[in-house]
Amino acid sequence: MLAAPPTAVARPFAPAVSALYVSLARQVDTNNFPPTDFVILDLEDSVPGELKGQARAHLVEARLDDLPSQIRVLVRINSDPELMQADLASVRANERVSGVILPKPDREALAALAQLRAAEQASARLAIWLMGEHPSFREELTGFLETCEGIEGVLVGYKDLAAALGLDLMMPTDSLFAAGKAICDAAQAHGLLVLNGPIIGDSDRLQAHFERTAQDGYDGICVISPKQFQVLKEMSLPGPKDLTA
């Protein structure tokens, strides 16, 4: 009798959901995008103030319809009300965008976003994501959900989280990871999807970050390049030691 073929065993070493983070400081070239579940286009930290207008034009002109239909497109907007209004105008101009991410959230910014969404029918269709960038986020989240409808997810931002804790992002510690996990747990308790933010580093550091993301229970992870996505993809595949007869 022939032996049964080996069966792949799923490995919890990498998160199941992936997102590609792209700055709108440059024109968007979707030809080089890996097959992630989300694409996050950034109008905030990665775009200097003098380039905000040009970045919005890049969003309007982006050929996002060339992306596979299953890929969801989110845009990280600015929390300043004046900038937010201009950002939303460019978001509405590209119907392929399905949601916005609000950085540094507080009740005032959320109230402004809710008002702008209510005033424009085209904005009402947009899902809302929040950046979790401060340890206090987990206590404030209930109030955020009461202030604005349509919140569906959270993106943990380690840059500002590390700064709030007085830590060096390039030398992450367990206390930083624990703070991120606390935000993740609080958001998931409200039924929200949670993505862990991207990092910069070599293959070993990326693998460690991806593994920790999966172990801490995040729903997904952000990458900033096709190369990072390839590392994630390879971690998700079964290796020789993961095959059983």
C-alpha atoms as a PDB file:
ATOM      1  CA  MET A   1       0.000   0.000   0.000  1.00  0.00           C
ATOM      2  CA  LEU A   2       1.244   3.452  -0.875  1.00  0.00           C
ATOM      3  CA  ALA A   3       1.843   5.797   2.017  1.00  0.00           C
ATOM      4  CA  ALA A   4      -0.459   8.763   2.278  1.00  0.00           C
ATOM      5  CA  PRO A   5       1.062  11.969   0.924  1.00  0.00           C
ATOM      6  CA  PRO A   6       2.348  14.438   3.492  1.00  0.00           C
ATOM      7  CA  THR A   7      -0.124  17.029   4.693  1.00  0.00           C
ATOM      8  CA  ALA A   8       0.818  20.626   5.324  1.00  0.00           C
ATOM      9  CA  VAL A   9       0.390  21.777   8.901  1.00  0.00           C
ATOM     10  CA  ALA A  10      -0.612  25.396   9.332  1.00  0.00           C
ATOM     11  CA  ARG A  11       2.024  27.432  11.175  1.00  0.00           C
ATOM     12  CA  PRO A  12       1.001  30.327  13.451  1.00  0.00           C
ATOM     13  CA  PHE A  13       4.232  32.145  12.574  1.00  0.00           C
ATOM     14  CA  ALA A  14       2.724  34.869  10.408  1.00  0.00           C
ATOM     15  CA  PRO A  15      -0.569  36.811  10.560  1.00  0.00           C
ATOM     16  CA  ALA A  16      -3.277  35.864   8.079  1.00  0.00           C
ATOM     17  CA  VAL A  17      -4.177  39.357   6.815  1.00  0.00           C
ATOM     18  CA  SER A  18      -1.691  41.641   5.068  1.00  0.00           C
ATOM     19  CA  ALA A  19      -1.694  45.321   4.134  1.00  0.00           C
ATOM     20  CA  LEU A  20       0.680  47.285   1.908  1.00  0.00           C
ATOM     21  CA  TYR A  21       1.524  50.767   3.194  1.00  0.00           C
ATOM     22  CA  VAL A  22       2.250  53.338   0.451  1.00  0.00           C
ATOM     23  CA  SER A  23       3.066  57.039   0.760  1.00  0.00           C
ATOM     24  CA  LEU A  24       1.153  59.412  -1.523  1.00  0.00           C
ATOM     25  CA  ALA A  25       4.168  61.734  -1.607  1.00  0.00           C
ATOM     26  CA  ARG A  26       4.874  59.961  -4.906  1.00  0.00           C
ATOM     27  CA  GLN A  27       2.628  58.884  -7.763  1.00  0.00           C
ATOM     28  CA  VAL A  28       0.992  55.520  -7.216  1.00  0.00           C
ATOM     29  CA  ASP A  29       2.209  52.651  -9.401  1.00  0.00           C
ATOM     30  CA  THR A  30      -0.098  49.712  -8.790  1.00  0.00           C
ATOM     31  CA  ASN A  31       1.888  47.489 -11.170  1.00  0.00           C
ATOM     32  CA  ASN A  32       4.367  46.728  -8.388  1.00  0.00           C
ATOM     33  CA  PHE A  33       1.823  46.047  -5.651  1.00  0.00           C
ATOM     34  CA  PRO A  34       1.957  42.558  -4.090  1.00  0.00           C
ATOM     35  CA  PRO A  35      -1.344  40.670  -3.593  1.00  0.00           C
ATOM     36  CA  THR A  36      -2.132  41.930  -0.088  1.00  0.00           C
ATOM     37  CA  ASP A  37      -5.615  42.094   1.437  1.00  0.00           C
ATOM     38  CA  PHE A  38      -5.446  45.858   2.003  1.00  0.00           C
ATOM     39  CA  VAL A  39      -3.619  48.802   0.475  1.00  0.00           C
ATOM     40  CA  ILE A  40      -3.111  51.780   2.800  1.00  0.00           C
ATOM     41  CA  LEU A  41      -2.339  55.075   1.048  1.00  0.00           C
ATOM     42  CA  ASP A  42      -0.891  57.709   3.361  1.00  0.00           C
ATOM     43  CA  LEU A  43      -1.636  61.440   3.301  1.00  0.00           C
ATOM     44  CA  GLU A  44      -0.333  62.076   6.808  1.00  0.00           C
ATOM     45  CA  ASP A  45       3.127  61.569   8.358  1.00  0.00           C
ATOM     46  CA  SER A  46       4.901  60.455   5.183  1.00  0.00           C
ATOM     47  CA  VAL A  47       3.810  63.591   3.285  1.00  0.00           C
ATOM     48  CA  PRO A  48       5.447  66.951   4.175  1.00  0.00           C
ATOM     49  CA  GLY A  49       3.087  69.895   4.593  1.00  0.00           C
ATOM     50  CA  GLU A  50       4.126  71.555   1.349  1.00  0.00           C
ATOM     51  CA  LEU A  51       3.361  68.363  -0.589  1.00  0.00           C
ATOM     52  CA  LYS A  52      -0.119  67.684   0.805  1.00  0.00           C
ATOM     53  CA  GLY A  53      -1.879  69.176  -2.220  1.00  0.00           C
ATOM     54  CA  GLN A  54       0.257  67.197  -4.651  1.00  0.00           C
ATOM     55  CA  ALA A  55      -0.334  64.036  -2.648  1.00  0.00           C
ATOM     56  CA  ARG A  56      -4.101  64.518  -2.875  1.00  0.00           C
ATOM     57  CA  ALA A  57      -3.736  64.882  -6.642  1.00  0.00           C
ATOM     58  CA  HIS A  58      -1.812  61.598  -6.685  1.00  0.00           C
ATOM     59  CA  LEU A  59      -4.756  59.950  -4.919  1.00  0.00           C
ATOM     60  CA  VAL A  60      -7.304  61.340  -7.371  1.00  0.00           C
ATOM     61  CA  GLU A  61      -5.203  60.211 -10.344  1.00  0.00           C
ATOM     62  CA  ALA A  62      -4.283  56.776  -8.959  1.00  0.00           C
ATOM     63  CA  ARG A  63      -5.445  53.895 -11.168  1.00  0.00           C
ATOM     64  CA  LEU A  64      -6.808  51.906  -8.258  1.00  0.00           C
ATOM     65  CA  ASP A  65      -9.352  50.124 -10.458  1.00  0.00           C
ATOM     66  CA  ASP A  66      -6.396  48.153 -11.816  1.00  0.00           C
ATOM     67  CA  LEU A  67      -6.129  46.389  -8.453  1.00  0.00           C
ATOM     68  CA  PRO A  68      -7.927  43.065  -7.947  1.00  0.00           C
ATOM     69  CA  SER A  69     -11.447  43.679  -6.678  1.00  0.00           C
ATOM     70  CA  GLN A  70     -10.846  41.814  -3.403  1.00  0.00           C
ATOM     71  CA  ILE A  71      -8.147  44.255  -2.286  1.00  0.00           C
ATOM     72  CA  ARG A  72      -9.564  46.961  -0.033  1.00  0.00           C
ATOM     73  CA  VAL A  73      -8.083  50.450  -0.259  1.00  0.00           C
ATOM     74  CA  LEU A  74      -7.832  52.668   2.820  1.00  0.00           C
ATOM     75  CA  VAL A  75      -6.435  56.205   3.012  1.00  0.00           C
ATOM     76  CA  ARG A  76      -4.778  57.592   6.128  1.00  0.00           C
ATOM     77  CA  ILE A  77      -6.006  61.176   6.357  1.00  0.00           C
ATOM     78  CA  ASN A  78      -4.918  64.085   8.564  1.00  0.00           C
ATOM     79  CA  SER A  79      -6.655  64.747  11.887  1.00  0.00           C
ATOM     80  CA  ASP A  80      -6.550  68.545  11.561  1.00  0.00           C
ATOM     81  CA  PRO A  81     -10.156  69.529  10.557  1.00  0.00           C
ATOM     82  CA  GLU A  82      -9.085  71.785   7.663  1.00  0.00           C
ATOM     83  CA  LEU A  83      -6.689  69.229   6.233  1.00  0.00           C
ATOM     84  CA  MET A  84      -9.237  66.480   6.882  1.00  0.00           C
ATOM     85  CA  GLN A  85     -11.850  68.228   4.758  1.00  0.00           C
ATOM     86  CA  ALA A  86      -9.438  68.578   1.832  1.00  0.00           C
ATOM     87  CA  ASP A  87      -8.318  64.956   2.270  1.00  0.00           C
ATOM     88  CA  LEU A  88     -11.895  63.673   2.168  1.00  0.00           C
ATOM     89  CA  ALA A  89     -12.559  65.602  -1.041  1.00  0.00           C
ATOM     90  CA  SER A  90      -9.739  63.702  -2.748  1.00  0.00           C
ATOM     91  CA  VAL A  91     -10.905  60.419  -1.209  1.00  0.00           C
ATOM     92  CA  ARG A  92     -14.417  60.939  -2.601  1.00  0.00           C
ATOM     93  CA  ALA A  93     -12.943  61.568  -6.046  1.00  0.00           C
ATOM     94  CA  ASN A  94     -11.576  58.017  -6.201  1.00  0.00           C
ATOM     95  CA  GLU A  95     -14.461  55.585  -5.786  1.00  0.00           C
ATOM     96  CA  ARG A  96     -12.102  52.641  -5.292  1.00  0.00           C
ATOM     97  CA  VAL A  97     -11.289  53.878  -1.759  1.00  0.00           C
ATOM     98  CA  SER A  98     -13.487  52.102   0.787  1.00  0.00           C
ATOM     99  CA  GLY A  99     -12.308  53.622   4.057  1.00  0.00           C
ATOM    100  CA  VAL A 100     -10.183  56.185   5.877  1.00  0.00           C
ATOM    101  CA  ILE A 101      -7.754  55.874   8.774  1.00  0.00           C
ATOM    102  CA  LEU A 102      -7.758  58.650  11.386  1.00  0.00           C
ATOM    103  CA  PRO A 103      -4.388  59.197  13.118  1.00  0.00           C
ATOM    104  CA  LYS A 104      -3.994  60.573  16.637  1.00  0.00           C
ATOM    105  CA  PRO A 105      -7.730  60.179  17.277  1.00  0.00           C
ATOM    106  CA  ASP A 106      -9.600  62.178  19.880  1.00  0.00           C
ATOM    107  CA  ARG A 107     -13.288  62.956  20.300  1.00  0.00           C
ATOM    108  CA  GLU A 108     -12.972  66.366  18.630  1.00  0.00           C
ATOM    109  CA  ALA A 109     -11.387  64.935  15.484  1.00  0.00           C
ATOM    110  CA  LEU A 110     -13.886  62.073  15.381  1.00  0.00           C
ATOM    111  CA  ALA A 111     -16.803  64.463  15.778  1.00  0.00           C
ATOM    112  CA  ALA A 112     -15.446  66.539  12.878  1.00  0.00           C
ATOM    113  CA  LEU A 113     -15.074  63.401  10.755  1.00  0.00           C
ATOM    114  CA  ALA A 114     -18.600  62.256  11.623  1.00  0.00           C
ATOM    115  CA  GLN A 115     -19.976  65.672  10.657  1.00  0.00           C
ATOM    116  CA  LEU A 116     -18.156  65.671   7.324  1.00  0.00           C
ATOM    117  CA  ARG A 117     -19.352  62.145   6.562  1.00  0.00           C
ATOM    118  CA  ALA A 118     -22.953  63.108   7.341  1.00  0.00           C
ATOM    119  CA  ALA A 119     -22.760  66.191   5.113  1.00  0.00           C
ATOM    120  CA  GLU A 120     -21.535  64.295   2.059  1.00  0.00           C
ATOM    121  CA  GLN A 121     -23.394  61.218   0.855  1.00  0.00           C
ATOM    122  CA  ALA A 122     -20.265  60.031  -0.957  1.00  0.00           C
ATOM    123  CA  SER A 123     -18.367  60.070   2.357  1.00  0.00           C
ATOM    124  CA  ALA A 124     -21.042  58.119   4.242  1.00  0.00           C
ATOM    125  CA  ARG A 125     -19.971  54.926   2.457  1.00  0.00           C
ATOM    126  CA  LEU A 126     -16.474  55.125   3.932  1.00  0.00           C
ATOM    127  CA  ALA A 127     -15.505  52.809   6.755  1.00  0.00           C
ATOM    128  CA  ILE A 128     -13.448  54.371   9.539  1.00  0.00           C
ATOM    129  CA  TRP A 129     -10.249  53.002  11.033  1.00  0.00           C
ATOM    130  CA  LEU A 130      -8.351  54.501  13.953  1.00  0.00           C
ATOM    131  CA  MET A 131      -4.639  54.646  14.682  1.00  0.00           C
ATOM    132  CA  GLY A 132      -3.791  53.205  18.094  1.00  0.00           C
ATOM    133  CA  GLU A 133      -0.718  55.261  18.940  1.00  0.00           C
ATOM    134  CA  HIS A 134      -0.908  55.926  22.680  1.00  0.00           C
ATOM    135  CA  PRO A 135      -1.295  53.709  25.769  1.00  0.00           C
ATOM    136  CA  SER A 136      -4.471  55.635  26.697  1.00  0.00           C
ATOM    137  CA  PHE A 137      -6.144  54.486  23.458  1.00  0.00           C
ATOM    138  CA  ARG A 138      -7.559  51.360  25.082  1.00  0.00           C
ATOM    139  CA  GLU A 139      -9.392  53.401  27.753  1.00  0.00           C
ATOM    140  CA  GLU A 140     -10.586  55.991  25.231  1.00  0.00           C
ATOM    141  CA  LEU A 141     -11.856  53.528  22.629  1.00  0.00           C
ATOM    142  CA  THR A 142     -15.354  53.139  24.095  1.00  0.00           C
ATOM    143  CA  GLY A 143     -15.837  56.900  23.899  1.00  0.00           C
ATOM    144  CA  PHE A 144     -14.549  56.941  20.325  1.00  0.00           C
ATOM    145  CA  LEU A 145     -17.107  54.324  19.318  1.00  0.00           C
ATOM    146  CA  GLU A 146     -19.870  56.391  20.918  1.00  0.00           C
ATOM    147  CA  THR A 147     -18.742  59.542  19.091  1.00  0.00           C
ATOM    148  CA  CYS A 148     -18.641  58.210  15.543  1.00  0.00           C
ATOM    149  CA  GLU A 149     -20.419  55.371  13.753  1.00  0.00           C
ATOM    150  CA  GLY A 150     -18.804  53.153  11.155  1.00  0.00           C
ATOM    151  CA  ILE A 151     -15.546  52.341  12.978  1.00  0.00           C
ATOM    152  CA  GLU A 152     -14.430  48.898  11.843  1.00  0.00           C
ATOM    153  CA  GLY A 153     -10.728  48.592  12.585  1.00  0.00           C
ATOM    154  CA  VAL A 154      -7.563  49.776  14.317  1.00  0.00           C
ATOM    155  CA  LEU A 155      -4.013  50.130  13.029  1.00  0.00           C
ATOM    156  CA  VAL A 156      -1.393  50.090  15.793  1.00  0.00           C
ATOM    157  CA  GLY A 157       1.308  52.702  15.221  1.00  0.00           C
ATOM    158  CA  TYR A 158       4.553  51.827  16.988  1.00  0.00           C
ATOM    159  CA  LYS A 159       6.370  55.065  16.140  1.00  0.00           C
ATOM    160  CA  ASP A 160       4.157  57.288  18.284  1.00  0.00           C
ATOM    161  CA  LEU A 161       3.506  54.510  20.795  1.00  0.00           C
ATOM    162  CA  ALA A 162       7.241  54.162  21.422  1.00  0.00           C
ATOM    163  CA  ALA A 163       7.584  57.941  21.766  1.00  0.00           C
ATOM    164  CA  ALA A 164       4.717  58.059  24.287  1.00  0.00           C
ATOM    165  CA  LEU A 165       6.454  55.396  26.361  1.00  0.00           C
ATOM    166  CA  GLY A 166       9.887  57.035  26.075  1.00  0.00           C
ATOM    167  CA  LEU A 167      11.283  54.036  24.182  1.00  0.00           C
ATOM    168  CA  ASP A 168      13.564  53.682  21.163  1.00  0.00           C
ATOM    169  CA  LEU A 169      11.638  52.252  18.201  1.00  0.00           C
ATOM    170  CA  MET A 170      14.858  50.813  16.751  1.00  0.00           C
ATOM    171  CA  MET A 171      15.400  48.833  19.956  1.00  0.00           C
ATOM    172  CA  PRO A 172      11.917  47.498  20.772  1.00  0.00           C
ATOM    173  CA  THR A 173      11.319  45.974  24.188  1.00  0.00           C
ATOM    174  CA  ASP A 174       8.674  43.704  25.678  1.00  0.00           C
ATOM    175  CA  SER A 175       7.004  46.753  27.230  1.00  0.00           C
ATOM    176  CA  LEU A 176       6.440  48.237  23.765  1.00  0.00           C
ATOM    177  CA  PHE A 177       5.009  44.977  22.441  1.00  0.00           C
ATOM    178  CA  ALA A 178       2.841  44.660  25.555  1.00  0.00           C
ATOM    179  CA  ALA A 179       1.426  48.151  24.994  1.00  0.00           C
ATOM    180  CA  GLY A 180       0.595  47.272  21.405  1.00  0.00           C
ATOM    181  CA  LYS A 181      -1.029  44.003  22.455  1.00  0.00           C
ATOM    182  CA  ALA A 182      -3.144  45.839  25.042  1.00  0.00           C
ATOM    183  CA  ILE A 183      -4.489  48.085  22.278  1.00  0.00           C
ATOM    184  CA  CYS A 184      -5.081  45.035  20.087  1.00  0.00           C
ATOM    185  CA  ASP A 185      -6.970  43.192  22.825  1.00  0.00           C
ATOM    186  CA  ALA A 186      -9.147  46.213  23.642  1.00  0.00           C
ATOM    187  CA  ALA A 187     -10.084  46.749  19.993  1.00  0.00           C
ATOM    188  CA  GLN A 188     -10.842  43.079  19.371  1.00  0.00           C
ATOM    189  CA  ALA A 189     -13.050  43.043  22.470  1.00  0.00           C
ATOM    190  CA  HIS A 190     -15.228  45.555  20.600  1.00  0.00           C
ATOM    191  CA  GLY A 191     -15.286  43.348  17.503  1.00  0.00           C
ATOM    192  CA  LEU A 192     -12.812  45.477  15.537  1.00  0.00           C
ATOM    193  CA  LEU A 193     -10.204  44.189  13.094  1.00  0.00           C
ATOM    194  CA  VAL A 194      -6.651  45.029  14.208  1.00  0.00           C
ATOM    195  CA  LEU A 195      -3.571  45.402  12.018  1.00  0.00           C
ATOM    196  CA  ASN A 196      -0.064  45.774  13.395  1.00  0.00           C
ATOM    197  CA  GLY A 197       2.001  48.581  11.920  1.00  0.00           C
ATOM    198  CA  PRO A 198       5.066  48.131   9.695  1.00  0.00           C
ATOM    199  CA  ILE A 199       8.708  48.269  10.723  1.00  0.00           C
ATOM    200  CA  ILE A 200      11.998  48.789   8.914  1.00  0.00           C
ATOM    201  CA  GLY A 201      14.731  46.196   9.210  1.00  0.00           C
ATOM    202  CA  ASP A 202      16.536  43.202   7.782  1.00  0.00           C
ATOM    203  CA  SER A 203      14.974  39.812   7.137  1.00  0.00           C
ATOM    204  CA  ASP A 204      15.631  38.514  10.653  1.00  0.00           C
ATOM    205  CA  ARG A 205      14.028  41.535  12.282  1.00  0.00           C
ATOM    206  CA  LEU A 206      11.041  41.317   9.940  1.00  0.00           C
ATOM    207  CA  GLN A 207      10.531  37.650  10.714  1.00  0.00           C
ATOM    208  CA  ALA A 208      10.692  38.322  14.456  1.00  0.00           C
ATOM    209  CA  HIS A 209       8.147  41.141  14.085  1.00  0.00           C
ATOM    210  CA  PHE A 210       5.802  39.010  11.995  1.00  0.00           C
ATOM    211  CA  GLU A 211       6.026  36.113  14.452  1.00  0.00           C
ATOM    212  CA  ARG A 212       5.376  38.377  17.437  1.00  0.00           C
ATOM    213  CA  THR A 213       2.404  39.905  15.599  1.00  0.00           C
ATOM    214  CA  ALA A 214       0.858  36.457  15.126  1.00  0.00           C
ATOM    215  CA  GLN A 215       1.631  35.353  18.692  1.00  0.00           C
ATOM    216  CA  ASP A 216       0.050  38.491  20.139  1.00  0.00           C
ATOM    217  CA  GLY A 217      -3.198  37.810  18.289  1.00  0.00           C
ATOM    218  CA  TYR A 218      -3.294  40.583  15.711  1.00  0.00           C
ATOM    219  CA  ASP A 219      -5.550  39.968  12.719  1.00  0.00           C
ATOM    220  CA  GLY A 220      -2.942  41.236  10.272  1.00  0.00           C
ATOM    221  CA  ILE A 221       0.290  43.080   9.560  1.00  0.00           C
ATOM    222  CA  CYS A 222       1.409  45.994   7.390  1.00  0.00           C
ATOM    223  CA  VAL A 223       4.369  45.788   5.014  1.00  0.00           C
ATOM    224  CA  ILE A 224       6.038  48.663   3.191  1.00  0.00           C
ATOM    225  CA  SER A 225       7.442  46.904   0.117  1.00  0.00           C
ATOM    226  CA  PRO A 226       7.045  43.829  -2.101  1.00  0.00           C
ATOM    227  CA  LYS A 227      10.271  42.529  -0.535  1.00  0.00           C
ATOM    228  CA  GLN A 228       8.740  42.606   2.949  1.00  0.00           C
ATOM    229  CA  PHE A 229       5.611  40.906   1.619  1.00  0.00           C
ATOM    230  CA  GLN A 230       7.765  38.124   0.161  1.00  0.00           C
ATOM    231  CA  VAL A 231       9.291  37.511   3.603  1.00  0.00           C
ATOM    232  CA  LEU A 232       5.780  37.321   5.046  1.00  0.00           C
ATOM    233  CA  LYS A 233       4.615  34.995   2.283  1.00  0.00           C
ATOM    234  CA  GLU A 234       7.550  32.629   2.757  1.00  0.00           C
ATOM    235  CA  MET A 235       6.881  32.469   6.500  1.00  0.00           C
ATOM    236  CA  SER A 236       3.280  31.466   5.798  1.00  0.00           C
ATOM    237  CA  LEU A 237       4.288  28.469   3.667  1.00  0.00           C
ATOM    238  CA  PRO A 238       4.914  25.056   5.240  1.00  0.00           C
ATOM    239  CA  GLY A 239       8.543  23.935   5.405  1.00  0.00           C
ATOM    240  CA  PRO A 240       9.949  20.389   5.476  1.00  0.00           C
ATOM    241  CA  LYS A 241       9.595  20.157   9.260  1.00  0.00           C
ATOM    242  CA  ASP A 242       5.932  21.158   9.011  1.00  0.00           C
ATOM    243  CA  LEU A 243       4.941  18.161   6.864  1.00  0.00           C
ATOM    244  CA  THR A 244       3.561  15.064   8.551  1.00  0.00           C
ATOM    245  CA  ALA A 245       2.710  11.708   7.045  1.00  0.00           C
END
